Amino acid sequence: MATPGQWIAGARPRTLPNAVVPVMVGTGVAIGEDGFVWWRAILALFVALSLQIGVNYANDYSDGVRGTDDQRVGPMRLVGSRAATPRQVLAAALGCFALAAVLGLVLVLVTQAWWVLLVGAAAIAAAWFYTGGKHPYGYHGLGEPAVFVFFGVVPVVGTAFVQTEQLSWPALVASIPVGLLSCSMLVVNNLRDVGTDGQAGKRTLAVVLGADRTRTLYVACQVVPFLVAPAMIPVTPWAALVLLAAPLAITPIRTVLAKAVGPALIAVLQQTGKLQMAYGALFALGLAIVF
C-alpha cells in the first residue's frame, strides 16, 4: 500500500504550475475587464488542479500496465514501482476527473453556458487518452499540441469566461505564451525519457524529433513567450512585467543546450516550473492593472 508521501509524489507536484498559471492569467484578464468573481476563480483553479493530478495518475496507470515505466529515471511512478496497484491508481485518476467534472458543472450552471460542457468533456477525454486507450495520442507525438490547447488556450480563456461571461481576444492572446510554457514542461520531461520511451515503443514528440531537435523545441517554448506577451504592451503597458522573469530561463536553457541527459534534466523540470510560475504571476499582474 502506497504511503501518503508516495501518493503525493505520484501526483507529480512539479507539474502543477501547468494548472495554476493558466488560471492566474485568466483571472488577470477578468480583473482587467472588471469581471473578477473570486469564488468562480477558485472553482476554476480546483478544476484545473483536478485535471492535472488526474492526468498524472492516469499516465502512471496506463504507462505502468504497459510496462513503459519499468526503467523510468524520473519522479515516483506508483504502478511501475509496485507501490500501488493499477486498480488503486486508476481509481485515483477517475476520482480526480469526477471532481473536475462536478466543479466544472457548477460553473456551467452559474454561467448558463452549456457549450462549456463540451469543452470540459473534451478536456477529460484528452487527459485520459494521452496515454490511455488502445491508441494513446501521447504515444504518437501529439502530447505537446494537446498540452498547448488544454493547459494553455482552454484554461486561460475558460477562466476569464466563467468570470466575465464573455469571450475576449486578450484572453486568447494571453493563452499563447501560457500554452508554450506548459509545453516546455512536457518537452523537457520527454527529453529526459527519450531513450527509455523509444525502447518501450512510446513515440513521444521527443522520440520522433530526436534529442537535438527536442532541445531546440524546448528553447523555443521558453523564448517565444517573452516575445508574445510584450505584443500586448499597446493595450496594457504592464504586460512588460513578464520580462522580469527572463533571467529564470537562462539556467535551464543552458543546461538543455549543454546536452544534459537523464537525472540532470530533473532539475531542469523544477527550474522550468519556477519560471512558469514567475512568468504567470507577473503576466497576471500586468493584465490586471490596465486594459
C-alpha atoms as a PDB file:
ATOM      1  CA  MET A   1       0.000   0.000   0.000  1.00  0.00           C
ATOM      2  CA  ALA A   2       1.464   3.348  -1.035  1.00  0.00           C
ATOM      3  CA  THR A   3       2.151   5.872   1.703  1.00  0.00           C
ATOM      4  CA  PRO A   4       0.637   9.395   1.628  1.00  0.00           C
ATOM      5  CA  GLY A   5       4.062  10.709   0.635  1.00  0.00           C
ATOM      6  CA  GLN A   6       4.207   8.317  -2.299  1.00  0.00           C
ATOM      7  CA  TRP A   7       0.738   9.351  -3.455  1.00  0.00           C
ATOM      8  CA  ILE A   8       1.823  12.988  -3.329  1.00  0.00           C
ATOM      9  CA  ALA A   9       4.985  12.187  -5.273  1.00  0.00           C
ATOM     10  CA  GLY A  10       2.895  10.198  -7.764  1.00  0.00           C
ATOM     11  CA  ALA A  11       0.740  13.280  -8.325  1.00  0.00           C
ATOM     12  CA  ARG A  12       3.939  14.952  -9.642  1.00  0.00           C
ATOM     13  CA  PRO A  13       3.768  18.297  -7.818  1.00  0.00           C
ATOM     14  CA  ARG A  14       6.355  19.837 -10.150  1.00  0.00           C
ATOM     15  CA  THR A  15       3.795  19.734 -12.972  1.00  0.00           C
ATOM     16  CA  LEU A  16       1.151  21.677 -11.026  1.00  0.00           C
ATOM     17  CA  PRO A  17       2.216  25.071 -12.443  1.00  0.00           C
ATOM     18  CA  ASN A  18       0.539  23.788 -15.628  1.00  0.00           C
ATOM     19  CA  ALA A  19      -2.747  24.082 -13.742  1.00  0.00           C
ATOM     20  CA  VAL A  20      -2.091  27.152 -11.599  1.00  0.00           C
ATOM     21  CA  VAL A  21      -0.584  29.522 -14.169  1.00  0.00           C
ATOM     22  CA  PRO A  22      -3.428  29.447 -16.736  1.00  0.00           C
ATOM     23  CA  VAL A  23      -5.970  30.221 -14.011  1.00  0.00           C
ATOM     24  CA  MET A  24      -3.829  33.090 -12.693  1.00  0.00           C
ATOM     25  CA  VAL A  25      -3.524  34.608 -16.156  1.00  0.00           C
ATOM     26  CA  GLY A  26      -7.197  34.093 -16.996  1.00  0.00           C
ATOM     27  CA  THR A  27      -8.105  35.749 -13.706  1.00  0.00           C
ATOM     28  CA  GLY A  28      -5.748  38.620 -14.522  1.00  0.00           C
ATOM     29  CA  VAL A  29      -7.723  39.133 -17.732  1.00  0.00           C
ATOM     30  CA  ALA A  30     -11.005  39.046 -15.775  1.00  0.00           C
ATOM     31  CA  ILE A  31      -9.743  41.637 -13.284  1.00  0.00           C
ATOM     32  CA  GLY A  32      -8.567  43.886 -16.095  1.00  0.00           C
ATOM     33  CA  GLU A  33     -12.020  43.676 -17.673  1.00  0.00           C
ATOM     34  CA  ASP A  34     -13.745  44.433 -14.343  1.00  0.00           C
ATOM     35  CA  GLY A  35     -15.288  40.972 -14.238  1.00  0.00           C
ATOM     36  CA  PHE A  36     -13.420  39.304 -11.361  1.00  0.00           C
ATOM     37  CA  VAL A  37     -15.509  36.845  -9.326  1.00  0.00           C
ATOM     38  CA  TRP A  38     -13.305  35.331  -6.622  1.00  0.00           C
ATOM     39  CA  TRP A  39     -15.237  32.137  -5.953  1.00  0.00           C
ATOM     40  CA  ARG A  40     -15.507  31.312  -9.647  1.00  0.00           C
ATOM     41  CA  ALA A  41     -11.751  31.797  -9.965  1.00  0.00           C
ATOM     42  CA  ILE A  42     -11.209  29.380  -7.072  1.00  0.00           C
ATOM     43  CA  LEU A  43     -13.522  26.801  -8.646  1.00  0.00           C
ATOM     44  CA  ALA A  44     -11.656  27.143 -11.945  1.00  0.00           C
ATOM     45  CA  LEU A  45      -8.386  26.570 -10.081  1.00  0.00           C
ATOM     46  CA  PHE A  46      -9.658  23.380  -8.471  1.00  0.00           C
ATOM     47  CA  VAL A  47     -10.950  22.158 -11.832  1.00  0.00           C
ATOM     48  CA  ALA A  48      -7.512  22.723 -13.364  1.00  0.00           C
ATOM     49  CA  LEU A  49      -5.676  21.094 -10.449  1.00  0.00           C
ATOM     50  CA  SER A  50      -8.013  18.085 -10.508  1.00  0.00           C
ATOM     51  CA  LEU A  51      -7.414  17.607 -14.224  1.00  0.00           C
ATOM     52  CA  GLN A  52      -3.623  17.951 -13.879  1.00  0.00           C
ATOM     53  CA  ILE A  53      -3.393  15.481 -10.999  1.00  0.00           C
ATOM     54  CA  GLY A  54      -5.876  13.204 -12.742  1.00  0.00           C
ATOM     55  CA  VAL A  55      -3.858  13.101 -15.948  1.00  0.00           C
ATOM     56  CA  ASN A  56      -0.707  12.382 -13.916  1.00  0.00           C
ATOM     57  CA  TYR A  57      -2.351   9.416 -12.192  1.00  0.00           C
ATOM     58  CA  ALA A  58      -3.896   8.257 -15.473  1.00  0.00           C
ATOM     59  CA  ASN A  59      -0.476   8.439 -17.128  1.00  0.00           C
ATOM     60  CA  ASP A  60       1.015   6.492 -14.213  1.00  0.00           C
ATOM     61  CA  TYR A  61      -1.676   3.834 -14.582  1.00  0.00           C
ATOM     62  CA  SER A  62      -1.573   3.486 -18.379  1.00  0.00           C
ATOM     63  CA  ASP A  63       2.225   3.539 -18.687  1.00  0.00           C
ATOM     64  CA  GLY A  64       2.520   1.240 -15.684  1.00  0.00           C
ATOM     65  CA  VAL A  65       0.280  -1.506 -17.050  1.00  0.00           C
ATOM     66  CA  ARG A  66       2.072  -1.278 -20.405  1.00  0.00           C
ATOM     67  CA  GLY A  67       5.466  -1.615 -18.743  1.00  0.00           C
ATOM     68  CA  THR A  68       6.668   1.727 -20.098  1.00  0.00           C
ATOM     69  CA  ASP A  69       7.664   2.903 -16.606  1.00  0.00           C
ATOM     70  CA  ASP A  70       9.697  -0.177 -15.650  1.00  0.00           C
ATOM     71  CA  GLN A  71      13.006   1.586 -16.366  1.00  0.00           C
ATOM     72  CA  ARG A  72      11.925   5.164 -15.680  1.00  0.00           C
ATOM     73  CA  VAL A  73      14.520   7.697 -14.492  1.00  0.00           C
ATOM     74  CA  GLY A  74      12.213  10.470 -13.316  1.00  0.00           C
ATOM     75  CA  PRO A  75       9.776  11.023 -10.446  1.00  0.00           C
ATOM     76  CA  MET A  76       7.902   8.400  -8.465  1.00  0.00           C
ATOM     77  CA  ARG A  77       5.692   6.040 -10.503  1.00  0.00           C
ATOM     78  CA  LEU A  78       3.147   4.287  -8.326  1.00  0.00           C
ATOM     79  CA  VAL A  79       2.343   1.375 -10.636  1.00  0.00           C
ATOM     80  CA  GLY A  80       5.827   0.992 -12.106  1.00  0.00           C
ATOM     81  CA  SER A  81       7.407   0.883  -8.635  1.00  0.00           C
ATOM     82  CA  ARG A  82       4.699  -1.510  -7.367  1.00  0.00           C
ATOM     83  CA  ALA A  83       3.923   0.943  -4.534  1.00  0.00           C
ATOM     84  CA  ALA A  84       0.253   0.845  -5.526  1.00  0.00           C
ATOM     85  CA  THR A  85      -1.848  -1.492  -7.615  1.00  0.00           C
ATOM     86  CA  PRO A  86      -3.073  -0.436 -11.063  1.00  0.00           C
ATOM     87  CA  ARG A  87      -6.660  -0.507  -9.781  1.00  0.00           C
ATOM     88  CA  GLN A  88      -5.836   1.918  -6.960  1.00  0.00           C
ATOM     89  CA  VAL A  89      -4.109   4.369  -9.283  1.00  0.00           C
ATOM     90  CA  LEU A  90      -6.926   4.103 -11.818  1.00  0.00           C
ATOM     91  CA  ALA A  91      -9.443   4.868  -9.064  1.00  0.00           C
ATOM     92  CA  ALA A  92      -7.416   7.935  -8.047  1.00  0.00           C
ATOM     93  CA  ALA A  93      -7.348   9.179 -11.637  1.00  0.00           C
ATOM     94  CA  LEU A  94     -11.070   8.670 -12.151  1.00  0.00           C
ATOM     95  CA  GLY A  95     -11.785  10.320  -8.800  1.00  0.00           C
ATOM     96  CA  CYS A  96      -9.866  13.420  -9.895  1.00  0.00           C
ATOM     97  CA  PHE A  97     -11.701  13.526 -13.216  1.00  0.00           C
ATOM     98  CA  ALA A  98     -15.038  13.164 -11.427  1.00  0.00           C
ATOM     99  CA  LEU A  99     -14.188  16.052  -9.090  1.00  0.00           C
ATOM    100  CA  ALA A 100     -13.203  18.221 -12.058  1.00  0.00           C
ATOM    101  CA  ALA A 101     -16.491  17.344 -13.770  1.00  0.00           C
ATOM    102  CA  VAL A 102     -18.611  18.228 -10.724  1.00  0.00           C
ATOM    103  CA  LEU A 103     -16.853  21.538 -10.094  1.00  0.00           C
ATOM    104  CA  GLY A 104     -16.970  22.354 -13.788  1.00  0.00           C
ATOM    105  CA  LEU A 105     -20.709  21.639 -13.827  1.00  0.00           C
ATOM    106  CA  VAL A 106     -21.201  24.239 -11.098  1.00  0.00           C
ATOM    107  CA  LEU A 107     -19.518  26.831 -13.315  1.00  0.00           C
ATOM    108  CA  VAL A 108     -21.691  25.777 -16.234  1.00  0.00           C
ATOM    109  CA  LEU A 109     -24.842  26.186 -14.146  1.00  0.00           C
ATOM    110  CA  VAL A 110     -23.952  29.682 -12.919  1.00  0.00           C
ATOM    111  CA  THR A 111     -22.945  30.924 -16.371  1.00  0.00           C
ATOM    112  CA  GLN A 112     -25.679  29.034 -18.260  1.00  0.00           C
ATOM    113  CA  ALA A 113     -23.092  28.448 -20.989  1.00  0.00           C
ATOM    114  CA  TRP A 114     -23.928  24.851 -21.820  1.00  0.00           C
ATOM    115  CA  TRP A 115     -21.343  24.635 -24.575  1.00  0.00           C
ATOM    116  CA  VAL A 116     -18.737  24.656 -21.802  1.00  0.00           C
ATOM    117  CA  LEU A 117     -19.862  21.097 -21.033  1.00  0.00           C
ATOM    118  CA  LEU A 118     -18.436  20.003 -24.376  1.00  0.00           C
ATOM    119  CA  VAL A 119     -15.156  21.752 -23.651  1.00  0.00           C
ATOM    120  CA  GLY A 120     -14.957  20.085 -20.243  1.00  0.00           C
ATOM    121  CA  ALA A 121     -15.737  16.669 -21.715  1.00  0.00           C
ATOM    122  CA  ALA A 122     -13.034  17.195 -24.336  1.00  0.00           C
ATOM    123  CA  ALA A 123     -10.528  18.148 -21.604  1.00  0.00           C
ATOM    124  CA  ILE A 124     -11.262  14.977 -19.611  1.00  0.00           C
ATOM    125  CA  ALA A 125     -11.083  12.844 -22.754  1.00  0.00           C
ATOM    126  CA  ALA A 126      -7.756  14.442 -23.677  1.00  0.00           C
ATOM    127  CA  ALA A 127      -6.446  13.746 -20.169  1.00  0.00           C
ATOM    128  CA  TRP A 128      -7.376  10.070 -20.368  1.00  0.00           C
ATOM    129  CA  PHE A 129      -6.407   9.292 -23.960  1.00  0.00           C
ATOM    130  CA  TYR A 130      -2.976  10.911 -23.617  1.00  0.00           C
ATOM    131  CA  THR A 131      -1.648   7.511 -22.572  1.00  0.00           C
ATOM    132  CA  GLY A 132      -4.917   5.587 -22.144  1.00  0.00           C
ATOM    133  CA  GLY A 133      -6.943   3.512 -24.569  1.00  0.00           C
ATOM    134  CA  LYS A 134      -5.787   1.373 -27.469  1.00  0.00           C
ATOM    135  CA  HIS A 135      -4.279   4.243 -29.432  1.00  0.00           C
ATOM    136  CA  PRO A 136      -2.969   6.856 -26.967  1.00  0.00           C
ATOM    137  CA  TYR A 137      -2.081  10.046 -28.799  1.00  0.00           C
ATOM    138  CA  GLY A 138       0.821  10.692 -26.425  1.00  0.00           C
ATOM    139  CA  TYR A 139       2.496   7.662 -27.986  1.00  0.00           C
ATOM    140  CA  HIS A 140       2.292   9.291 -31.416  1.00  0.00           C
ATOM    141  CA  GLY A 141       3.926  12.668 -30.849  1.00  0.00           C
ATOM    142  CA  LEU A 142       0.719  14.622 -30.158  1.00  0.00           C
ATOM    143  CA  GLY A 143       1.200  15.322 -26.460  1.00  0.00           C
ATOM    144  CA  GLU A 144       2.578  18.826 -26.876  1.00  0.00           C
ATOM    145  CA  PRO A 145      -0.242  20.114 -29.144  1.00  0.00           C
ATOM    146  CA  ALA A 146      -2.795  18.771 -26.648  1.00  0.00           C
ATOM    147  CA  VAL A 147      -0.991  20.431 -23.740  1.00  0.00           C
ATOM    148  CA  PHE A 148      -0.934  23.741 -25.622  1.00  0.00           C
ATOM    149  CA  VAL A 149      -4.703  23.561 -26.085  1.00  0.00           C
ATOM    150  CA  PHE A 150      -5.829  22.097 -22.751  1.00  0.00           C
ATOM    151  CA  PHE A 151      -3.240  23.651 -20.441  1.00  0.00           C
ATOM    152  CA  GLY A 152      -2.983  26.904 -22.349  1.00  0.00           C
ATOM    153  CA  VAL A 153      -5.853  28.084 -24.525  1.00  0.00           C
ATOM    154  CA  VAL A 154      -8.756  26.330 -22.780  1.00  0.00           C
ATOM    155  CA  PRO A 155      -7.979  27.179 -19.133  1.00  0.00           C
ATOM    156  CA  VAL A 156      -6.906  30.783 -19.764  1.00  0.00           C
ATOM    157  CA  VAL A 157      -9.883  31.610 -21.975  1.00  0.00           C
ATOM    158  CA  GLY A 158     -12.182  29.462 -19.838  1.00  0.00           C
ATOM    159  CA  THR A 159     -11.136  31.044 -16.544  1.00  0.00           C
ATOM    160  CA  ALA A 160     -11.699  34.518 -17.937  1.00  0.00           C
ATOM    161  CA  PHE A 161     -15.026  33.485 -19.444  1.00  0.00           C
ATOM    162  CA  VAL A 162     -16.588  31.932 -16.324  1.00  0.00           C
ATOM    163  CA  GLN A 163     -15.931  35.216 -14.517  1.00  0.00           C
ATOM    164  CA  THR A 164     -16.732  37.827 -17.175  1.00  0.00           C
ATOM    165  CA  GLU A 165     -19.214  35.623 -19.103  1.00  0.00           C
ATOM    166  CA  GLN A 166     -17.777  36.819 -22.374  1.00  0.00           C
ATOM    167  CA  LEU A 167     -15.053  35.688 -24.749  1.00  0.00           C
ATOM    168  CA  SER A 168     -12.294  38.218 -25.350  1.00  0.00           C
ATOM    169  CA  TRP A 169      -9.307  38.447 -27.631  1.00  0.00           C
ATOM    170  CA  PRO A 170      -6.905  39.461 -24.783  1.00  0.00           C
ATOM    171  CA  ALA A 171      -7.630  36.117 -23.113  1.00  0.00           C
ATOM    172  CA  LEU A 172      -6.907  34.276 -26.355  1.00  0.00           C
ATOM    173  CA  VAL A 173      -3.632  36.131 -26.947  1.00  0.00           C
ATOM    174  CA  ALA A 174      -2.612  35.665 -23.315  1.00  0.00           C
ATOM    175  CA  SER A 175      -3.177  31.915 -23.632  1.00  0.00           C
ATOM    176  CA  ILE A 176      -0.427  31.552 -26.267  1.00  0.00           C
ATOM    177  CA  PRO A 177       2.630  32.112 -24.030  1.00  0.00           C
ATOM    178  CA  VAL A 178       0.945  30.179 -21.221  1.00  0.00           C
ATOM    179  CA  GLY A 179       0.410  27.213 -23.528  1.00  0.00           C
ATOM    180  CA  LEU A 180       4.009  27.323 -24.731  1.00  0.00           C
ATOM    181  CA  LEU A 181       5.354  27.322 -21.183  1.00  0.00           C
ATOM    182  CA  SER A 182       3.122  24.362 -20.336  1.00  0.00           C
ATOM    183  CA  CYS A 183       4.510  22.614 -23.413  1.00  0.00           C
ATOM    184  CA  SER A 184       8.054  23.277 -22.223  1.00  0.00           C
ATOM    185  CA  MET A 185       7.352  21.182 -19.116  1.00  0.00           C
ATOM    186  CA  LEU A 186       6.305  18.221 -21.240  1.00  0.00           C
ATOM    187  CA  VAL A 187       9.140  18.739 -23.716  1.00  0.00           C
ATOM    188  CA  VAL A 188      11.845  18.533 -21.053  1.00  0.00           C
ATOM    189  CA  ASN A 189      10.071  15.608 -19.382  1.00  0.00           C
ATOM    190  CA  ASN A 190      10.020  13.701 -22.671  1.00  0.00           C
ATOM    191  CA  LEU A 191      13.603  14.715 -23.438  1.00  0.00           C
ATOM    192  CA  ARG A 192      14.662  13.134 -20.148  1.00  0.00           C
ATOM    193  CA  ASP A 193      12.855   9.914 -21.054  1.00  0.00           C
ATOM    194  CA  VAL A 194      13.674   9.854 -24.767  1.00  0.00           C
ATOM    195  CA  GLY A 195      15.836   6.736 -24.519  1.00  0.00           C
ATOM    196  CA  THR A 196      13.526   4.600 -22.392  1.00  0.00           C
ATOM    197  CA  ASP A 197      10.404   5.782 -24.216  1.00  0.00           C
ATOM    198  CA  GLY A 198      11.888   4.817 -27.557  1.00  0.00           C
ATOM    199  CA  GLN A 199      12.797   1.370 -26.281  1.00  0.00           C
ATOM    200  CA  ALA A 200       9.289   0.889 -24.882  1.00  0.00           C
ATOM    201  CA  GLY A 201       7.653   1.887 -28.166  1.00  0.00           C
ATOM    202  CA  LYS A 202       6.334   5.201 -26.814  1.00  0.00           C
ATOM    203  CA  ARG A 203       6.869   7.586 -29.731  1.00  0.00           C
ATOM    204  CA  THR A 204       6.654  10.941 -27.975  1.00  0.00           C
ATOM    205  CA  LEU A 205       7.469  14.064 -29.949  1.00  0.00           C
ATOM    206  CA  ALA A 206      10.970  13.889 -28.437  1.00  0.00           C
ATOM    207  CA  VAL A 207      11.421  10.382 -29.835  1.00  0.00           C
ATOM    208  CA  VAL A 208      10.120  11.463 -33.236  1.00  0.00           C
ATOM    209  CA  LEU A 209      12.277  14.605 -33.417  1.00  0.00           C
ATOM    210  CA  GLY A 210      15.362  13.209 -31.740  1.00  0.00           C
ATOM    211  CA  ALA A 211      17.188  14.703 -28.769  1.00  0.00           C
ATOM    212  CA  ASP A 212      18.882  17.607 -30.579  1.00  0.00           C
ATOM    213  CA  ARG A 213      15.721  18.953 -32.209  1.00  0.00           C
ATOM    214  CA  THR A 214      13.840  18.474 -28.957  1.00  0.00           C
ATOM    215  CA  ARG A 215      16.384  20.701 -27.220  1.00  0.00           C
ATOM    216  CA  THR A 216      15.725  23.366 -29.853  1.00  0.00           C
ATOM    217  CA  LEU A 217      11.984  22.988 -29.299  1.00  0.00           C
ATOM    218  CA  TYR A 218      12.457  23.448 -25.554  1.00  0.00           C
ATOM    219  CA  VAL A 219      14.381  26.684 -26.078  1.00  0.00           C
ATOM    220  CA  ALA A 220      11.677  27.957 -28.432  1.00  0.00           C
ATOM    221  CA  CYS A 221       8.970  27.206 -25.863  1.00  0.00           C
ATOM    222  CA  GLN A 222      10.943  29.202 -23.308  1.00  0.00           C
ATOM    223  CA  VAL A 223      11.871  32.171 -25.508  1.00  0.00           C
ATOM    224  CA  VAL A 224       8.728  32.795 -27.580  1.00  0.00           C
ATOM    225  CA  PRO A 225       6.533  33.640 -24.549  1.00  0.00           C
ATOM    226  CA  PHE A 226       8.816  36.595 -23.842  1.00  0.00           C
ATOM    227  CA  LEU A 227       8.176  37.807 -27.399  1.00  0.00           C
ATOM    228  CA  VAL A 228       4.399  37.316 -27.359  1.00  0.00           C
ATOM    229  CA  ALA A 229       3.494  38.975 -24.060  1.00  0.00           C
ATOM    230  CA  PRO A 230       5.146  42.333 -24.870  1.00  0.00           C
ATOM    231  CA  ALA A 231       2.981  42.438 -28.004  1.00  0.00           C
ATOM    232  CA  MET A 232       0.153  43.369 -25.613  1.00  0.00           C
ATOM    233  CA  ILE A 233       2.020  46.456 -24.377  1.00  0.00           C
ATOM    234  CA  PRO A 234      -0.051  48.821 -26.581  1.00  0.00           C
ATOM    235  CA  VAL A 235      -3.127  47.593 -24.697  1.00  0.00           C
ATOM    236  CA  THR A 236      -1.584  47.286 -21.255  1.00  0.00           C
ATOM    237  CA  PRO A 237       1.979  48.569 -20.769  1.00  0.00           C
ATOM    238  CA  TRP A 238       2.268  46.469 -17.625  1.00  0.00           C
ATOM    239  CA  ALA A 239       2.483  43.305 -19.750  1.00  0.00           C
ATOM    240  CA  ALA A 240       6.194  44.124 -19.911  1.00  0.00           C
ATOM    241  CA  LEU A 241       6.456  42.919 -16.311  1.00  0.00           C
ATOM    242  CA  VAL A 242       6.985  39.386 -17.649  1.00  0.00           C
ATOM    243  CA  LEU A 243      10.477  40.409 -18.743  1.00  0.00           C
ATOM    244  CA  LEU A 244      11.472  40.353 -15.060  1.00  0.00           C
ATOM    245  CA  ALA A 245      11.134  36.566 -15.204  1.00  0.00           C
ATOM    246  CA  ALA A 246      13.530  36.213 -18.153  1.00  0.00           C
ATOM    247  CA  PRO A 247      16.662  35.544 -16.040  1.00  0.00           C
ATOM    248  CA  LEU A 248      14.984  32.389 -14.714  1.00  0.00           C
ATOM    249  CA  ALA A 249      15.120  30.931 -18.220  1.00  0.00           C
ATOM    250  CA  ILE A 250      18.903  31.195 -18.522  1.00  0.00           C
ATOM    251  CA  THR A 251      19.971  28.235 -16.376  1.00  0.00           C
ATOM    252  CA  PRO A 252      17.511  25.648 -17.733  1.00  0.00           C
ATOM    253  CA  ILE A 253      18.201  26.707 -21.314  1.00  0.00           C
ATOM    254  CA  ARG A 254      21.963  26.444 -20.758  1.00  0.00           C
ATOM    255  CA  THR A 255      21.575  23.013 -19.181  1.00  0.00           C
ATOM    256  CA  VAL A 256      19.429  21.717 -22.022  1.00  0.00           C
ATOM    257  CA  LEU A 257      21.741  23.130 -24.702  1.00  0.00           C
ATOM    258  CA  ALA A 258      24.711  21.581 -22.873  1.00  0.00           C
ATOM    259  CA  LYS A 259      23.102  18.230 -23.763  1.00  0.00           C
ATOM    260  CA  ALA A 260      22.303  17.178 -20.211  1.00  0.00           C
ATOM    261  CA  VAL A 261      20.587  13.803 -20.063  1.00  0.00           C
ATOM    262  CA  GLY A 262      18.631  11.632 -17.650  1.00  0.00           C
ATOM    263  CA  PRO A 263      18.673  12.707 -13.983  1.00  0.00           C
ATOM    264  CA  ALA A 264      20.337  16.035 -14.818  1.00  0.00           C
ATOM    265  CA  LEU A 265      17.115  17.079 -16.532  1.00  0.00           C
ATOM    266  CA  ILE A 266      15.052  16.554 -13.379  1.00  0.00           C
ATOM    267  CA  ALA A 267      16.482  19.829 -12.055  1.00  0.00           C
ATOM    268  CA  VAL A 268      15.537  21.496 -15.359  1.00  0.00           C
ATOM    269  CA  LEU A 269      11.939  20.392 -14.830  1.00  0.00           C
ATOM    270  CA  GLN A 270      11.924  22.107 -11.449  1.00  0.00           C
ATOM    271  CA  GLN A 271      13.546  25.249 -12.866  1.00  0.00           C
ATOM    272  CA  THR A 272      11.027  25.315 -15.698  1.00  0.00           C
ATOM    273  CA  GLY A 273       8.202  25.182 -13.173  1.00  0.00           C
ATOM    274  CA  LYS A 274       9.659  28.143 -11.259  1.00  0.00           C
ATOM    275  CA  LEU A 275       9.968  30.151 -14.462  1.00  0.00           C
ATOM    276  CA  GLN A 276       6.419  29.245 -15.398  1.00  0.00           C
ATOM    277  CA  MET A 277       5.069  30.389 -12.016  1.00  0.00           C
ATOM    278  CA  ALA A 278       7.049  33.652 -12.054  1.00  0.00           C
ATOM    279  CA  TYR A 279       6.006  34.430 -15.614  1.00  0.00           C
ATOM    280  CA  GLY A 280       2.371  33.610 -14.840  1.00  0.00           C
ATOM    281  CA  ALA A 281       2.255  35.772 -11.708  1.00  0.00           C
ATOM    282  CA  LEU A 282       3.868  38.759 -13.444  1.00  0.00           C
ATOM    283  CA  PHE A 283       1.721  38.377 -16.550  1.00  0.00           C
ATOM    284  CA  ALA A 284      -1.459  38.096 -14.484  1.00  0.00           C
ATOM    285  CA  LEU A 285      -0.485  41.206 -12.544  1.00  0.00           C
ATOM    286  CA  GLY A 286       0.241  43.155 -15.711  1.00  0.00           C
ATOM    287  CA  LEU A 287      -3.059  42.130 -17.297  1.00  0.00           C
ATOM    288  CA  ALA A 288      -4.986  43.001 -14.139  1.00  0.00           C
ATOM    289  CA  ILE A 289      -3.643  46.534 -13.754  1.00  0.00           C
ATOM    290  CA  VAL A 290      -4.803  48.108 -17.024  1.00  0.00           C
ATOM    291  CA  PHE A 291      -6.877  47.132 -20.024  1.00  0.00           C
END
